[in-house]
Amino acid sequence: MRAVITGGAGFLGSHLCDTLLARGDQVVCLDNLSTGRIENVAHMIGQPGFVFSRADVSAGLDIDGPVDVVAHFASAASPPDYQRMPLETLAVGSRGTENALRLAEVSGARFVLASTSEIYGDPAVHPQSEEYWGNVNPIGPRSVYDEAKRFAEALTRAYGSARGVNVGIIRIFNTYGPRMSATDMDALSPTSSPRR
């Protein structure tokens, strides 16, 4: 399988690159390094089947050759990062998602969107089921990230229903571990919202 991973040098994207490469897949890792780090993928650079390209998915995607899956993991996810880059966060959730969906469409590839528990906003229901619609403030301090991901989910579903693209959405909750940036750890302090 040949996989294109947007945000592939980020915390989660780099682990996905590792996993796919280890099982023998070819991986095209795209990242503009605005929040991702080259150190997260440096050990893969030069390995057969792995290609790193510094690219901004919001500006477009030009991938040569066959593509079997597009995993869209690109986005600032830590509050300090998306508050520092509000327009870029909205762009990657909108234009970036559509560019990745178009690549999946023209390639006949599976598309997987990495979404978040933040689509529920400040939930009034715990734990949240997938049927719960949330309690969202569209202009609050987390709104650029929340709304970017909510739009990305809606766009993904629309490409699935209107254009027949094979799509999937994963909502990731409370993830931490190796390669997580220090600012993400600060965001998980007891005085901040732990959902991501």
N, C-alpha and C. Protein backbone atom coordinates (compact mmCIF):
# COMPACT_ATOMS: atom_id res chain seq x y z
N MET A 1 0.84 -1.17 0.00
CA MET A 1 0.00 0.00 0.00
C MET A 1 0.89 1.24 0.00
N ARG A 2 0.43 2.26 -0.70
CA ARG A 2 1.15 3.55 -0.69
C ARG A 2 0.25 4.57 -0.01
N ALA A 3 0.74 5.14 1.08
CA ALA A 3 -0.05 6.05 1.90
C ALA A 3 0.54 7.44 1.88
N VAL A 4 -0.32 8.43 1.76
CA VAL A 4 0.07 9.83 1.91
C VAL A 4 -0.42 10.28 3.28
N ILE A 5 0.48 10.74 4.13
CA ILE A 5 0.15 11.18 5.48
C ILE A 5 0.40 12.67 5.57
N THR A 6 -0.66 13.49 5.67
CA THR A 6 -0.47 14.92 5.89
C THR A 6 -0.25 15.14 7.39
N GLY A 7 0.62 16.06 7.71
CA GLY A 7 0.98 16.23 9.13
C GLY A 7 1.80 15.06 9.63
N GLY A 8 2.54 14.44 8.72
CA GLY A 8 3.27 13.22 9.05
C GLY A 8 4.45 13.40 9.98
N ALA A 9 4.92 14.64 10.18
CA ALA A 9 6.01 14.87 11.12
C ALA A 9 5.49 15.34 12.47
N GLY A 10 4.19 15.31 12.65
CA GLY A 10 3.58 15.68 13.93
C GLY A 10 3.59 14.52 14.91
N PHE A 11 3.07 14.78 16.09
CA PHE A 11 3.04 13.79 17.17
C PHE A 11 2.37 12.49 16.72
N LEU A 12 1.14 12.54 16.30
CA LEU A 12 0.43 11.32 15.90
C LEU A 12 0.80 10.86 14.50
N GLY A 13 0.92 11.82 13.57
CA GLY A 13 1.25 11.46 12.20
C GLY A 13 2.56 10.70 12.08
N SER A 14 3.55 11.07 12.88
CA SER A 14 4.85 10.39 12.80
C SER A 14 4.74 8.95 13.30
N HIS A 15 3.91 8.70 14.29
CA HIS A 15 3.72 7.31 14.75
C HIS A 15 2.99 6.49 13.69
N LEU A 16 2.05 7.12 12.98
CA LEU A 16 1.37 6.42 11.88
C LEU A 16 2.38 6.08 10.77
N CYS A 17 3.24 7.04 10.43
CA CYS A 17 4.29 6.76 9.45
C CYS A 17 5.14 5.57 9.87
N ASP A 18 5.56 5.55 11.13
CA ASP A 18 6.36 4.44 11.67
C ASP A 18 5.65 3.11 11.48
N THR A 19 4.38 3.07 11.88
CA THR A 19 3.61 1.83 11.84
C THR A 19 3.46 1.31 10.42
N LEU A 20 3.10 2.20 9.49
CA LEU A 20 2.90 1.78 8.11
C LEU A 20 4.21 1.33 7.47
N LEU A 21 5.27 2.07 7.72
CA LEU A 21 6.58 1.72 7.16
C LEU A 21 7.05 0.37 7.70
N ALA A 22 6.83 0.14 8.99
CA ALA A 22 7.26 -1.11 9.62
C ALA A 22 6.53 -2.32 9.06
N ARG A 23 5.32 -2.14 8.59
CA ARG A 23 4.58 -3.29 8.03
C ARG A 23 4.81 -3.45 6.53
N GLY A 24 5.69 -2.61 5.96
CA GLY A 24 6.08 -2.77 4.57
C GLY A 24 5.38 -1.86 3.58
N ASP A 25 4.58 -0.92 4.07
CA ASP A 25 3.91 0.01 3.17
C ASP A 25 4.88 1.11 2.74
N GLN A 26 4.55 1.77 1.64
CA GLN A 26 5.27 2.97 1.21
C GLN A 26 4.57 4.17 1.83
N VAL A 27 5.35 5.13 2.31
CA VAL A 27 4.79 6.29 3.00
C VAL A 27 5.33 7.57 2.40
N VAL A 28 4.40 8.46 2.01
CA VAL A 28 4.74 9.81 1.59
C VAL A 28 4.30 10.71 2.74
N CYS A 29 5.27 11.25 3.45
CA CYS A 29 5.03 12.07 4.64
C CYS A 29 5.09 13.54 4.23
N LEU A 30 3.98 14.26 4.42
CA LEU A 30 3.91 15.68 4.10
C LEU A 30 3.76 16.48 5.38
N ASP A 31 4.54 17.53 5.51
CA ASP A 31 4.40 18.40 6.70
C ASP A 31 5.06 19.74 6.38
N ASN A 32 4.44 20.83 6.78
CA ASN A 32 5.06 22.14 6.58
C ASN A 32 5.95 22.54 7.77
N LEU A 33 5.98 21.69 8.78
CA LEU A 33 6.81 21.86 9.98
C LEU A 33 6.44 23.10 10.80
N SER A 34 5.20 23.55 10.68
CA SER A 34 4.75 24.67 11.52
C SER A 34 4.56 24.21 12.96
N THR A 35 4.12 22.98 13.15
CA THR A 35 4.06 22.39 14.49
C THR A 35 4.71 21.01 14.53
N GLY A 36 4.80 20.34 13.38
CA GLY A 36 5.50 19.07 13.31
C GLY A 36 7.00 19.31 13.40
N ARG A 37 7.74 18.26 13.71
CA ARG A 37 9.19 18.39 13.87
C ARG A 37 9.91 17.34 13.04
N ILE A 38 10.92 17.78 12.34
CA ILE A 38 11.70 16.86 11.51
C ILE A 38 12.33 15.75 12.36
N GLU A 39 12.60 16.05 13.63
CA GLU A 39 13.16 15.04 14.53
C GLU A 39 12.22 13.84 14.69
N ASN A 40 10.92 14.05 14.51
CA ASN A 40 9.95 12.96 14.65
C ASN A 40 10.05 11.93 13.55
N VAL A 41 10.59 12.32 12.40
CA VAL A 41 10.68 11.40 11.27
C VAL A 41 12.11 11.19 10.78
N ALA A 42 13.07 11.83 11.42
CA ALA A 42 14.47 11.77 10.96
C ALA A 42 14.97 10.33 10.84
N HIS A 43 14.54 9.45 11.75
CA HIS A 43 14.99 8.05 11.73
C HIS A 43 14.44 7.28 10.53
N MET A 44 13.40 7.81 9.86
CA MET A 44 12.83 7.14 8.69
C MET A 44 13.41 7.65 7.38
N ILE A 45 13.94 8.88 7.38
CA ILE A 45 14.46 9.47 6.16
C ILE A 45 15.63 8.63 5.65
N GLY A 46 15.56 8.26 4.39
CA GLY A 46 16.57 7.40 3.79
C GLY A 46 16.19 5.94 3.79
N GLN A 47 15.16 5.56 4.54
CA GLN A 47 14.71 4.17 4.51
C GLN A 47 13.94 3.91 3.22
N PRO A 48 14.07 2.71 2.68
CA PRO A 48 13.29 2.37 1.48
C PRO A 48 11.79 2.50 1.76
N GLY A 49 11.09 3.12 0.83
CA GLY A 49 9.64 3.24 0.97
C GLY A 49 9.18 4.48 1.70
N PHE A 50 10.11 5.31 2.18
CA PHE A 50 9.72 6.51 2.91
C PHE A 50 10.19 7.76 2.17
N VAL A 51 9.27 8.71 1.99
CA VAL A 51 9.60 9.99 1.36
C VAL A 51 9.05 11.09 2.25
N PHE A 52 9.90 12.05 2.60
CA PHE A 52 9.44 13.23 3.33
C PHE A 52 9.45 14.42 2.38
N SER A 53 8.35 15.19 2.42
CA SER A 53 8.28 16.41 1.62
C SER A 53 7.74 17.53 2.50
N ARG A 54 8.48 18.63 2.52
CA ARG A 54 7.99 19.80 3.26
C ARG A 54 6.96 20.49 2.38
N ALA A 55 5.71 20.42 2.79
CA ALA A 55 4.61 20.92 1.97
C ALA A 55 3.46 21.38 2.86
N ASP A 56 2.74 22.38 2.36
CA ASP A 56 1.57 22.91 3.05
C ASP A 56 0.33 22.39 2.34
N VAL A 57 -0.40 21.49 2.96
CA VAL A 57 -1.58 20.89 2.36
C VAL A 57 -2.64 21.94 2.03
N SER A 58 -2.64 23.06 2.71
CA SER A 58 -3.61 24.13 2.43
C SER A 58 -3.34 24.81 1.10
N ALA A 59 -2.10 24.73 0.62
CA ALA A 59 -1.72 25.35 -0.64
C ALA A 59 -1.94 24.42 -1.83
N GLY A 60 -2.20 23.15 -1.58
CA GLY A 60 -2.42 22.18 -2.64
C GLY A 60 -1.57 20.95 -2.46
N LEU A 61 -1.92 19.91 -3.20
CA LEU A 61 -1.19 18.65 -3.14
C LEU A 61 -0.89 18.17 -4.55
N ASP A 62 0.35 17.81 -4.79
CA ASP A 62 0.76 17.28 -6.08
C ASP A 62 1.60 16.04 -5.81
N ILE A 63 0.96 14.89 -5.89
CA ILE A 63 1.63 13.63 -5.58
C ILE A 63 1.70 12.80 -6.86
N ASP A 64 2.90 12.41 -7.25
CA ASP A 64 3.07 11.54 -8.40
C ASP A 64 2.87 10.09 -8.00
N GLY A 65 2.35 9.31 -8.92
CA GLY A 65 2.21 7.88 -8.70
C GLY A 65 0.93 7.50 -8.00
N PRO A 66 0.75 6.21 -7.81
CA PRO A 66 -0.49 5.72 -7.20
C PRO A 66 -0.57 6.08 -5.71
N VAL A 67 -1.80 6.24 -5.25
CA VAL A 67 -2.06 6.50 -3.83
C VAL A 67 -3.21 5.59 -3.42
N ASP A 68 -3.00 4.81 -2.36
CA ASP A 68 -4.03 3.89 -1.88
C ASP A 68 -4.81 4.45 -0.70
N VAL A 69 -4.16 5.29 0.09
CA VAL A 69 -4.83 5.89 1.25
C VAL A 69 -4.25 7.28 1.49
N VAL A 70 -5.14 8.19 1.88
CA VAL A 70 -4.73 9.53 2.30
C VAL A 70 -5.20 9.68 3.75
N ALA A 71 -4.25 9.87 4.65
CA ALA A 71 -4.57 10.08 6.07
C ALA A 71 -4.27 11.54 6.38
N HIS A 72 -5.34 12.30 6.68
CA HIS A 72 -5.21 13.74 6.88
C HIS A 72 -5.06 14.04 8.38
N PHE A 73 -3.81 14.18 8.80
CA PHE A 73 -3.48 14.45 10.19
C PHE A 73 -2.95 15.87 10.39
N ALA A 74 -2.86 16.66 9.32
CA ALA A 74 -2.29 18.00 9.42
C ALA A 74 -3.22 18.93 10.18
N SER A 75 -2.70 19.57 11.20
CA SER A 75 -3.39 20.63 11.95
C SER A 75 -2.60 20.95 13.20
N ALA A 76 -2.57 22.23 13.53
CA ALA A 76 -2.12 22.58 14.88
C ALA A 76 -3.15 22.00 15.83
N ALA A 77 -2.71 21.40 16.92
CA ALA A 77 -3.65 20.78 17.84
C ALA A 77 -3.53 21.29 19.27
N SER A 78 -2.42 21.90 19.59
CA SER A 78 -2.20 22.42 20.93
C SER A 78 -2.75 23.84 21.02
N PRO A 79 -3.46 24.19 22.10
CA PRO A 79 -4.01 25.55 22.22
C PRO A 79 -2.99 26.66 21.96
N PRO A 80 -1.77 26.60 22.50
CA PRO A 80 -0.84 27.69 22.19
C PRO A 80 -0.54 27.79 20.69
N ASP A 81 -0.52 26.65 19.99
CA ASP A 81 -0.21 26.67 18.56
C ASP A 81 -1.38 27.19 17.74
N TYR A 82 -2.60 26.68 17.98
CA TYR A 82 -3.70 27.15 17.13
C TYR A 82 -4.14 28.56 17.50
N GLN A 83 -3.86 29.01 18.71
CA GLN A 83 -4.17 30.40 19.04
C GLN A 83 -3.13 31.34 18.42
N ARG A 84 -1.90 30.85 18.21
CA ARG A 84 -0.86 31.62 17.54
C ARG A 84 -1.08 31.64 16.03
N MET A 85 -1.73 30.61 15.50
CA MET A 85 -1.93 30.46 14.06
C MET A 85 -3.41 30.23 13.73
N PRO A 86 -4.29 31.17 14.09
CA PRO A 86 -5.72 30.91 13.88
C PRO A 86 -6.12 30.77 12.41
N LEU A 87 -5.59 31.60 11.54
CA LEU A 87 -5.97 31.52 10.13
C LEU A 87 -5.43 30.26 9.48
N GLU A 88 -4.20 29.88 9.83
CA GLU A 88 -3.62 28.66 9.30
C GLU A 88 -4.39 27.43 9.76
N THR A 89 -4.86 27.45 11.02
CA THR A 89 -5.63 26.32 11.55
C THR A 89 -6.95 26.18 10.81
N LEU A 90 -7.62 27.29 10.56
CA LEU A 90 -8.87 27.24 9.79
C LEU A 90 -8.60 26.81 8.35
N ALA A 91 -7.49 27.26 7.77
CA ALA A 91 -7.17 26.90 6.39
C ALA A 91 -6.91 25.41 6.24
N VAL A 92 -6.17 24.82 7.17
CA VAL A 92 -5.87 23.39 7.04
C VAL A 92 -7.12 22.55 7.26
N GLY A 93 -8.05 23.04 8.08
CA GLY A 93 -9.31 22.32 8.27
C GLY A 93 -10.26 22.45 7.10
N SER A 94 -10.12 23.52 6.33
CA SER A 94 -11.01 23.74 5.19
C SER A 94 -10.29 23.41 3.88
N ARG A 95 -9.45 24.31 3.39
CA ARG A 95 -8.75 24.07 2.11
C ARG A 95 -7.87 22.82 2.18
N GLY A 96 -7.18 22.64 3.28
CA GLY A 96 -6.30 21.48 3.40
C GLY A 96 -7.08 20.18 3.34
N THR A 97 -8.22 20.14 4.02
CA THR A 97 -9.04 18.93 3.99
C THR A 97 -9.56 18.69 2.58
N GLU A 98 -10.02 19.75 1.91
CA GLU A 98 -10.52 19.56 0.55
C GLU A 98 -9.42 19.12 -0.40
N ASN A 99 -8.23 19.67 -0.28
CA ASN A 99 -7.12 19.23 -1.13
C ASN A 99 -6.80 17.76 -0.91
N ALA A 100 -6.82 17.33 0.33
CA ALA A 100 -6.55 15.92 0.64
C ALA A 100 -7.67 15.02 0.12
N LEU A 101 -8.92 15.49 0.25
CA LEU A 101 -10.06 14.73 -0.28
C LEU A 101 -9.99 14.63 -1.81
N ARG A 102 -9.61 15.70 -2.47
CA ARG A 102 -9.49 15.66 -3.94
C ARG A 102 -8.42 14.67 -4.37
N LEU A 103 -7.31 14.63 -3.63
CA LEU A 103 -6.27 13.65 -3.95
C LEU A 103 -6.83 12.23 -3.81
N ALA A 104 -7.56 11.99 -2.73
CA ALA A 104 -8.17 10.66 -2.55
C ALA A 104 -9.15 10.36 -3.69
N GLU A 105 -9.93 11.35 -4.07
CA GLU A 105 -10.92 11.14 -5.13
C GLU A 105 -10.26 10.78 -6.45
N VAL A 106 -9.28 11.57 -6.89
CA VAL A 106 -8.66 11.31 -8.20
C VAL A 106 -7.83 10.03 -8.19
N SER A 107 -7.38 9.61 -7.01
CA SER A 107 -6.56 8.40 -6.89
C SER A 107 -7.39 7.16 -6.64
N GLY A 108 -8.67 7.33 -6.33
CA GLY A 108 -9.49 6.19 -5.93
C GLY A 108 -9.04 5.62 -4.60
N ALA A 109 -8.52 6.49 -3.75
CA ALA A 109 -7.93 6.07 -2.47
C ALA A 109 -8.93 6.19 -1.32
N ARG A 110 -8.67 5.48 -0.27
CA ARG A 110 -9.39 5.62 1.00
C ARG A 110 -8.91 6.92 1.64
N PHE A 111 -9.84 7.68 2.22
CA PHE A 111 -9.51 8.92 2.92
C PHE A 111 -9.87 8.76 4.39
N VAL A 112 -8.93 9.10 5.26
CA VAL A 112 -9.17 9.04 6.71
C VAL A 112 -8.84 10.40 7.31
N LEU A 113 -9.82 10.99 7.98
CA LEU A 113 -9.64 12.27 8.65
C LEU A 113 -9.37 12.05 10.13
N ALA A 114 -8.30 12.65 10.62
CA ALA A 114 -8.04 12.65 12.06
C ALA A 114 -8.80 13.83 12.66
N SER A 115 -9.87 13.54 13.37
CA SER A 115 -10.65 14.57 14.02
C SER A 115 -10.35 14.55 15.52
N THR A 116 -11.24 15.08 16.32
CA THR A 116 -10.93 15.32 17.72
C THR A 116 -12.17 15.34 18.59
N SER A 117 -11.99 15.13 19.86
CA SER A 117 -13.09 15.30 20.82
C SER A 117 -13.52 16.76 20.91
N GLU A 118 -12.68 17.68 20.44
CA GLU A 118 -13.03 19.10 20.50
C GLU A 118 -14.22 19.46 19.64
N ILE A 119 -14.64 18.58 18.74
CA ILE A 119 -15.84 18.88 17.94
C ILE A 119 -17.08 18.96 18.84
N TYR A 120 -16.99 18.41 20.05
CA TYR A 120 -18.11 18.48 21.01
C TYR A 120 -18.09 19.78 21.80
N GLY A 121 -17.04 20.60 21.64
CA GLY A 121 -16.94 21.84 22.39
C GLY A 121 -16.77 21.56 23.88
N ASP A 122 -17.55 22.26 24.70
CA ASP A 122 -17.54 22.06 26.15
C ASP A 122 -18.76 21.20 26.48
N PRO A 123 -18.63 19.88 26.39
CA PRO A 123 -19.80 19.01 26.41
C PRO A 123 -20.55 19.03 27.74
N ALA A 124 -21.86 18.92 27.62
CA ALA A 124 -22.73 18.83 28.79
C ALA A 124 -23.00 17.37 29.14
N VAL A 125 -22.53 16.45 28.33
CA VAL A 125 -22.76 15.02 28.50
C VAL A 125 -21.41 14.32 28.57
N HIS A 126 -21.25 13.46 29.59
CA HIS A 126 -20.00 12.70 29.75
C HIS A 126 -20.32 11.24 30.01
N PRO A 127 -19.68 10.29 29.38
CA PRO A 127 -18.85 10.47 28.20
C PRO A 127 -19.72 10.80 26.99
N GLN A 128 -19.10 11.29 25.91
CA GLN A 128 -19.85 11.66 24.71
C GLN A 128 -20.01 10.45 23.80
N SER A 129 -21.24 10.24 23.34
CA SER A 129 -21.47 9.22 22.32
C SER A 129 -21.37 9.91 20.96
N GLU A 130 -21.25 9.13 19.90
CA GLU A 130 -21.16 9.72 18.57
C GLU A 130 -22.47 10.41 18.17
N GLU A 131 -23.56 10.08 18.83
CA GLU A 131 -24.84 10.72 18.52
C GLU A 131 -24.97 12.10 19.17
N TYR A 132 -24.12 12.40 20.16
CA TYR A 132 -24.18 13.68 20.86
C TYR A 132 -23.65 14.78 19.94
N TRP A 133 -24.35 15.90 19.83
CA TRP A 133 -23.97 16.96 18.91
C TRP A 133 -23.04 17.99 19.53
N GLY A 134 -22.98 18.05 20.83
CA GLY A 134 -22.03 18.94 21.48
C GLY A 134 -22.62 20.24 21.97
N ASN A 135 -21.74 21.04 22.53
CA ASN A 135 -22.07 22.33 23.13
C ASN A 135 -20.93 23.28 22.75
N VAL A 136 -21.06 23.87 21.56
CA VAL A 136 -19.94 24.56 20.94
C VAL A 136 -20.13 26.07 20.97
N ASN A 137 -19.05 26.77 21.30
CA ASN A 137 -19.00 28.22 21.21
C ASN A 137 -18.19 28.56 19.95
N PRO A 138 -18.82 29.01 18.86
CA PRO A 138 -18.09 29.21 17.61
C PRO A 138 -17.13 30.40 17.62
N ILE A 139 -17.12 31.21 18.69
CA ILE A 139 -16.18 32.34 18.74
C ILE A 139 -15.36 32.34 20.03
N GLY A 140 -15.36 31.22 20.73
CA GLY A 140 -14.62 31.10 21.99
C GLY A 140 -13.13 30.91 21.77
N PRO A 141 -12.36 30.76 22.85
CA PRO A 141 -10.89 30.67 22.75
C PRO A 141 -10.38 29.45 21.98
N ARG A 142 -11.17 28.37 21.92
CA ARG A 142 -10.75 27.17 21.18
C ARG A 142 -11.45 27.06 19.84
N SER A 143 -12.23 28.08 19.46
CA SER A 143 -13.13 27.94 18.33
C SER A 143 -12.43 27.66 17.00
N VAL A 144 -11.26 28.23 16.76
CA VAL A 144 -10.64 28.00 15.45
C VAL A 144 -10.33 26.53 15.23
N TYR A 145 -9.87 25.86 16.28
CA TYR A 145 -9.57 24.42 16.17
C TYR A 145 -10.87 23.62 16.10
N ASP A 146 -11.79 23.91 17.02
CA ASP A 146 -13.06 23.17 17.05
C ASP A 146 -13.80 23.29 15.73
N GLU A 147 -13.94 24.51 15.24
CA GLU A 147 -14.72 24.73 14.01
C GLU A 147 -13.99 24.19 12.78
N ALA A 148 -12.67 24.27 12.76
CA ALA A 148 -11.92 23.70 11.64
C ALA A 148 -12.17 22.20 11.55
N LYS A 149 -12.16 21.53 12.69
CA LYS A 149 -12.38 20.09 12.70
C LYS A 149 -13.84 19.74 12.40
N ARG A 150 -14.77 20.56 12.90
CA ARG A 150 -16.19 20.31 12.61
C ARG A 150 -16.45 20.47 11.11
N PHE A 151 -15.88 21.51 10.49
CA PHE A 151 -16.03 21.70 9.06
C PHE A 151 -15.38 20.55 8.30
N ALA A 152 -14.19 20.14 8.73
CA ALA A 152 -13.49 19.04 8.06
C ALA A 152 -14.33 17.77 8.09
N GLU A 153 -15.00 17.51 9.20
CA GLU A 153 -15.88 16.33 9.28
C GLU A 153 -17.04 16.46 8.30
N ALA A 154 -17.68 17.64 8.26
CA ALA A 154 -18.81 17.85 7.35
C ALA A 154 -18.37 17.70 5.89
N LEU A 155 -17.21 18.26 5.56
CA LEU A 155 -16.69 18.17 4.19
C LEU A 155 -16.37 16.72 3.83
N THR A 156 -15.79 16.00 4.77
CA THR A 156 -15.47 14.59 4.54
C THR A 156 -16.74 13.79 4.26
N ARG A 157 -17.77 13.99 5.08
CA ARG A 157 -19.04 13.28 4.85
C ARG A 157 -19.64 13.67 3.51
N ALA A 158 -19.54 14.94 3.14
CA ALA A 158 -20.10 15.39 1.86
C ALA A 158 -19.38 14.74 0.68
N TYR A 159 -18.06 14.63 0.74
CA TYR A 159 -17.33 13.96 -0.34
C TYR A 159 -17.71 12.48 -0.40
N GLY A 160 -17.98 11.90 0.74
CA GLY A 160 -18.42 10.50 0.75
C GLY A 160 -19.79 10.33 0.11
N SER A 161 -20.74 11.18 0.50
CA SER A 161 -22.11 11.00 -0.01
C SER A 161 -22.30 11.55 -1.41
N ALA A 162 -21.71 12.70 -1.73
CA ALA A 162 -21.95 13.33 -3.02
C ALA A 162 -21.03 12.82 -4.13
N ARG A 163 -19.82 12.40 -3.75
CA ARG A 163 -18.85 12.02 -4.78
C ARG A 163 -18.38 10.57 -4.68
N GLY A 164 -18.88 9.86 -3.68
CA GLY A 164 -18.55 8.45 -3.57
C GLY A 164 -17.14 8.15 -3.11
N VAL A 165 -16.46 9.13 -2.50
CA VAL A 165 -15.11 8.88 -1.97
C VAL A 165 -15.24 7.98 -0.74
N ASN A 166 -14.35 7.02 -0.64
CA ASN A 166 -14.33 6.09 0.48
C ASN A 166 -13.71 6.81 1.69
N VAL A 167 -14.55 7.29 2.59
CA VAL A 167 -14.08 8.15 3.68
C VAL A 167 -14.30 7.51 5.05
N GLY A 168 -13.47 7.92 5.98
CA GLY A 168 -13.63 7.55 7.38
C GLY A 168 -13.15 8.69 8.26
N ILE A 169 -13.74 8.79 9.44
CA ILE A 169 -13.38 9.83 10.40
C ILE A 169 -13.05 9.16 11.73
N ILE A 170 -11.91 9.53 12.30
CA ILE A 170 -11.58 9.06 13.64
C ILE A 170 -11.53 10.27 14.57
N ARG A 171 -12.20 10.16 15.70
CA ARG A 171 -12.18 11.23 16.71
C ARG A 171 -11.24 10.80 17.81
N ILE A 172 -10.16 11.53 17.93
CA ILE A 172 -9.09 11.16 18.86
C ILE A 172 -9.26 11.93 20.16
N PHE A 173 -9.22 11.21 21.27
CA PHE A 173 -9.41 11.79 22.60
C PHE A 173 -8.14 11.61 23.44
N ASN A 174 -7.73 12.66 24.15
CA ASN A 174 -6.76 12.57 25.25
C ASN A 174 -5.54 11.71 24.95
N THR A 175 -4.86 12.02 23.89
CA THR A 175 -3.70 11.24 23.48
C THR A 175 -2.41 11.93 23.93
N TYR A 176 -1.50 11.15 24.47
CA TYR A 176 -0.20 11.70 24.88
C TYR A 176 0.84 10.61 24.76
N GLY A 177 2.10 11.00 24.74
CA GLY A 177 3.17 10.02 24.68
C GLY A 177 4.41 10.57 24.02
N PRO A 178 5.31 9.67 23.59
CA PRO A 178 6.55 10.08 22.95
C PRO A 178 6.28 10.95 21.72
N ARG A 179 7.12 11.94 21.54
CA ARG A 179 7.09 12.91 20.44
C ARG A 179 6.07 14.02 20.65
N MET A 180 5.36 14.00 21.74
CA MET A 180 4.43 15.09 22.04
C MET A 180 5.27 16.31 22.42
N SER A 181 4.89 17.47 21.90
CA SER A 181 5.69 18.66 22.18
C SER A 181 5.45 19.16 23.61
N ALA A 182 6.39 19.92 24.11
CA ALA A 182 6.28 20.46 25.47
C ALA A 182 5.07 21.37 25.61
N THR A 183 4.70 22.09 24.54
CA THR A 183 3.52 22.96 24.64
C THR A 183 2.24 22.14 24.77
N ASP A 184 2.23 20.94 24.17
CA ASP A 184 1.07 20.06 24.36
C ASP A 184 0.98 19.61 25.81
N MET A 185 2.12 19.30 26.40
CA MET A 185 2.11 18.87 27.80
C MET A 185 1.61 20.01 28.69
N ASP A 186 2.02 21.26 28.39
CA ASP A 186 1.52 22.40 29.15
C ASP A 186 0.01 22.53 29.01
N ALA A 187 -0.50 22.23 27.81
CA ALA A 187 -1.94 22.33 27.56
C ALA A 187 -2.72 21.30 28.35
N LEU A 188 -2.06 20.23 28.79
CA LEU A 188 -2.74 19.19 29.55
C LEU A 188 -2.60 19.38 31.06
N SER A 189 -2.14 20.55 31.46
CA SER A 189 -1.99 20.82 32.89
C SER A 189 -3.36 20.87 33.56
N PRO A 190 -3.43 20.70 34.88
CA PRO A 190 -4.71 20.70 35.58
C PRO A 190 -5.52 21.98 35.42
N THR A 191 -4.90 23.07 35.01
CA THR A 191 -5.63 24.34 34.87
C THR A 191 -6.17 24.55 33.46
N SER A 192 -5.95 23.58 32.57
CA SER A 192 -6.46 23.72 31.20
C SER A 192 -7.37 22.57 30.85
N SER A 193 -8.07 22.69 29.71
CA SER A 193 -8.94 21.64 29.25
C SER A 193 -8.11 20.45 28.78
N PRO A 194 -8.37 19.23 29.28
CA PRO A 194 -7.56 18.09 28.89
C PRO A 194 -7.98 17.46 27.56
N ARG A 195 -9.12 17.84 26.99
CA ARG A 195 -9.59 17.19 25.78
C ARG A 195 -8.80 17.71 24.59
N ARG A 196 -8.42 16.76 23.69
CA ARG A 196 -7.76 17.11 22.43
C ARG A 196 -8.16 16.13 21.39
